């Protein structure tokens, strides 16, 4: 969808990491938090694996957490 090709290594990394990421997010009580996947970072050509986007429950302030998944072998 982004117009960028995906290498076999990147595809393998997502296949191995996505289920764990989703489960960890749920375990942390963040399963209702929006997730932007392969988010293009502004002013660069870099992409973040995932960005968690939410609002503080009391103040309503927006917050963002950038997540970089690492696949170690």
N, C-alpha and C. Protein backbone atom coordinates (compact mmCIF):
# COMPACT_ATOMS: atom_id res chain seq x y z
N UNK A 1 0.81 -1.20 0.00
CA UNK A 1 0.00 0.00 0.00
C UNK A 1 0.86 1.27 0.00
N UNK A 2 2.10 1.17 0.50
CA UNK A 2 2.94 2.35 0.59
C UNK A 2 3.72 2.60 -0.69
N UNK A 3 3.68 1.64 -1.60
CA UNK A 3 4.44 1.78 -2.83
C UNK A 3 5.87 1.29 -2.69
N UNK A 4 6.20 0.74 -1.52
CA UNK A 4 7.55 0.21 -1.28
C UNK A 4 7.49 -1.31 -1.32
N UNK A 5 8.50 -1.91 -1.93
CA UNK A 5 8.61 -3.35 -1.92
C UNK A 5 9.03 -3.84 -0.54
N UNK A 6 8.76 -5.08 -0.25
CA UNK A 6 9.12 -5.67 1.03
C UNK A 6 10.07 -6.83 0.78
N UNK A 7 11.19 -6.79 1.48
CA UNK A 7 12.17 -7.85 1.31
C UNK A 7 11.69 -9.12 2.01
N UNK A 8 12.20 -10.28 1.58
CA UNK A 8 11.83 -11.53 2.27
C UNK A 8 12.17 -11.48 3.76
N UNK A 9 13.28 -10.85 4.12
CA UNK A 9 13.67 -10.76 5.53
C UNK A 9 12.65 -9.93 6.32
N UNK A 10 12.18 -8.83 5.73
CA UNK A 10 11.19 -7.99 6.42
C UNK A 10 9.86 -8.74 6.56
N UNK A 11 9.47 -9.44 5.52
CA UNK A 11 8.24 -10.22 5.57
C UNK A 11 8.34 -11.30 6.65
N UNK A 12 9.49 -11.98 6.72
CA UNK A 12 9.72 -13.01 7.72
C UNK A 12 9.70 -12.42 9.13
N UNK A 13 10.31 -11.25 9.29
CA UNK A 13 10.33 -10.58 10.58
C UNK A 13 8.92 -10.27 11.07
N UNK A 14 8.08 -9.73 10.19
CA UNK A 14 6.70 -9.43 10.57
C UNK A 14 5.95 -10.71 10.89
N UNK A 15 6.15 -11.74 10.11
CA UNK A 15 5.46 -13.01 10.34
C UNK A 15 5.80 -13.55 11.73
N UNK A 16 7.07 -13.43 12.13
CA UNK A 16 7.52 -13.95 13.42
C UNK A 16 7.16 -13.03 14.58
N UNK A 17 7.05 -11.75 14.35
CA UNK A 17 6.89 -10.78 15.44
C UNK A 17 5.46 -10.31 15.66
N UNK A 18 4.63 -10.31 14.65
CA UNK A 18 3.31 -9.68 14.75
C UNK A 18 2.43 -10.31 15.82
N UNK A 19 2.36 -11.63 15.86
CA UNK A 19 1.50 -12.29 16.85
C UNK A 19 1.96 -11.97 18.28
N UNK A 20 3.27 -11.96 18.49
CA UNK A 20 3.81 -11.64 19.82
C UNK A 20 3.50 -10.19 20.18
N UNK A 21 3.68 -9.29 19.21
CA UNK A 21 3.38 -7.87 19.44
C UNK A 21 1.92 -7.67 19.82
N UNK A 22 1.01 -8.29 19.09
CA UNK A 22 -0.43 -8.16 19.36
C UNK A 22 -0.76 -8.71 20.75
N UNK A 23 -0.18 -9.86 21.12
CA UNK A 23 -0.44 -10.44 22.43
C UNK A 23 0.13 -9.58 23.55
N UNK A 24 1.35 -9.07 23.37
CA UNK A 24 1.96 -8.19 24.38
C UNK A 24 1.14 -6.92 24.58
N UNK A 25 0.63 -6.38 23.50
CA UNK A 25 -0.20 -5.17 23.57
C UNK A 25 -1.47 -5.46 24.37
N UNK A 26 -2.10 -6.60 24.12
CA UNK A 26 -3.31 -6.98 24.87
C UNK A 26 -2.97 -7.23 26.33
N UNK A 27 -1.87 -7.93 26.60
CA UNK A 27 -1.45 -8.21 27.98
C UNK A 27 -1.20 -6.93 28.77
N UNK A 28 -0.76 -5.88 28.08
CA UNK A 28 -0.49 -4.59 28.72
C UNK A 28 -1.76 -3.75 28.87
N UNK A 29 -2.91 -4.29 28.43
CA UNK A 29 -4.16 -3.56 28.53
C UNK A 29 -4.31 -2.48 27.47
N UNK A 30 -3.55 -2.62 26.39
CA UNK A 30 -3.57 -1.61 25.33
C UNK A 30 -4.25 -2.10 24.05
N UNK A 31 -5.10 -3.12 24.18
CA UNK A 31 -5.71 -3.69 22.98
C UNK A 31 -6.72 -2.76 22.31
N UNK A 32 -7.12 -1.68 22.97
CA UNK A 32 -8.02 -0.70 22.36
C UNK A 32 -7.26 0.50 21.78
N UNK A 33 -5.93 0.47 21.88
CA UNK A 33 -5.09 1.56 21.38
C UNK A 33 -4.87 1.38 19.88
N UNK A 34 -4.99 2.45 19.13
CA UNK A 34 -4.79 2.40 17.68
C UNK A 34 -3.31 2.11 17.37
N UNK A 35 -3.07 1.31 16.33
CA UNK A 35 -1.71 0.98 15.91
C UNK A 35 -1.53 1.37 14.44
N UNK A 36 -0.51 2.15 14.18
CA UNK A 36 -0.13 2.48 12.80
C UNK A 36 1.06 1.58 12.46
N UNK A 37 0.93 0.77 11.43
CA UNK A 37 1.97 -0.20 11.06
C UNK A 37 2.77 0.33 9.89
N UNK A 38 4.10 0.16 9.97
CA UNK A 38 5.02 0.64 8.94
C UNK A 38 4.76 2.11 8.65
N UNK A 39 4.71 2.89 9.70
CA UNK A 39 4.38 4.31 9.60
C UNK A 39 5.56 5.11 9.07
N UNK A 40 5.34 5.86 8.01
CA UNK A 40 6.38 6.71 7.44
C UNK A 40 6.64 7.92 8.34
N UNK A 41 7.87 8.04 8.83
CA UNK A 41 8.21 9.14 9.71
C UNK A 41 8.37 10.43 8.92
N UNK A 42 7.82 11.52 9.45
CA UNK A 42 7.90 12.80 8.75
C UNK A 42 9.34 13.27 8.56
N UNK A 43 9.61 13.92 7.49
CA UNK A 43 10.88 14.56 7.17
C UNK A 43 12.02 13.56 6.98
N UNK A 44 11.71 12.28 6.87
CA UNK A 44 12.72 11.27 6.60
C UNK A 44 12.12 10.24 5.64
N UNK A 45 12.95 9.34 5.18
CA UNK A 45 12.45 8.24 4.37
C UNK A 45 12.32 6.98 5.23
N UNK A 46 12.52 7.12 6.54
CA UNK A 46 12.45 5.99 7.46
C UNK A 46 11.01 5.65 7.81
N UNK A 47 10.81 4.40 8.21
CA UNK A 47 9.50 3.94 8.66
C UNK A 47 9.65 3.30 10.04
N UNK A 48 8.68 3.53 10.91
CA UNK A 48 8.62 2.85 12.20
C UNK A 48 7.81 1.57 12.02
N UNK A 49 8.23 0.50 12.67
CA UNK A 49 7.47 -0.75 12.57
C UNK A 49 6.04 -0.55 13.02
N UNK A 50 5.87 0.15 14.14
CA UNK A 50 4.52 0.41 14.65
C UNK A 50 4.54 1.67 15.51
N UNK A 51 3.43 2.37 15.52
CA UNK A 51 3.25 3.52 16.40
C UNK A 51 1.93 3.32 17.12
N UNK A 52 1.98 3.31 18.46
CA UNK A 52 0.77 3.24 19.26
C UNK A 52 0.26 4.66 19.44
N UNK A 53 -1.02 4.87 19.22
CA UNK A 53 -1.61 6.21 19.28
C UNK A 53 -2.80 6.17 20.24
N UNK A 54 -2.79 7.09 21.18
CA UNK A 54 -3.90 7.12 22.13
C UNK A 54 -4.04 8.49 22.76
N UNK A 55 -4.95 8.57 23.72
CA UNK A 55 -5.17 9.81 24.46
C UNK A 55 -5.19 9.48 25.94
N UNK A 56 -4.61 10.36 26.75
CA UNK A 56 -4.59 10.17 28.19
C UNK A 56 -6.03 10.16 28.70
N UNK A 57 -6.37 9.21 29.56
CA UNK A 57 -7.76 9.04 30.00
C UNK A 57 -8.28 10.21 30.81
N UNK A 58 -7.41 10.94 31.51
CA UNK A 58 -7.89 12.05 32.34
C UNK A 58 -7.75 13.40 31.65
N UNK A 59 -6.62 13.62 30.97
CA UNK A 59 -6.38 14.94 30.38
C UNK A 59 -6.82 15.03 28.93
N UNK A 60 -6.96 13.89 28.27
CA UNK A 60 -7.33 13.89 26.86
C UNK A 60 -6.17 14.21 25.94
N UNK A 61 -4.96 14.42 26.51
CA UNK A 61 -3.79 14.73 25.67
C UNK A 61 -3.42 13.52 24.82
N UNK A 62 -3.06 13.79 23.57
CA UNK A 62 -2.61 12.72 22.68
C UNK A 62 -1.24 12.23 23.11
N UNK A 63 -0.99 10.94 22.90
CA UNK A 63 0.33 10.39 23.14
C UNK A 63 0.64 9.38 22.05
N UNK A 64 1.93 9.20 21.84
CA UNK A 64 2.42 8.31 20.78
C UNK A 64 3.61 7.52 21.32
N UNK A 65 3.68 6.24 20.98
CA UNK A 65 4.82 5.41 21.33
C UNK A 65 5.29 4.73 20.06
N UNK A 66 6.55 4.96 19.71
CA UNK A 66 7.14 4.35 18.52
C UNK A 66 7.73 3.01 18.93
N UNK A 67 7.39 1.96 18.17
CA UNK A 67 7.86 0.61 18.47
C UNK A 67 8.68 0.11 17.30
N UNK A 68 9.89 -0.31 17.58
CA UNK A 68 10.73 -0.97 16.58
C UNK A 68 10.90 -2.42 17.01
N UNK A 69 10.42 -3.33 16.20
CA UNK A 69 10.55 -4.75 16.49
C UNK A 69 11.89 -5.25 16.01
N UNK A 70 12.54 -6.07 16.82
CA UNK A 70 13.84 -6.62 16.44
C UNK A 70 13.76 -8.13 16.39
N UNK A 71 14.20 -8.67 15.31
CA UNK A 71 14.22 -10.11 15.12
C UNK A 71 15.65 -10.60 15.27
N UNK A 72 15.93 -11.30 16.35
CA UNK A 72 17.29 -11.79 16.60
C UNK A 72 17.37 -13.26 16.20
N UNK A 73 18.48 -13.63 15.62
CA UNK A 73 18.65 -15.05 15.27
C UNK A 73 19.98 -15.54 15.81
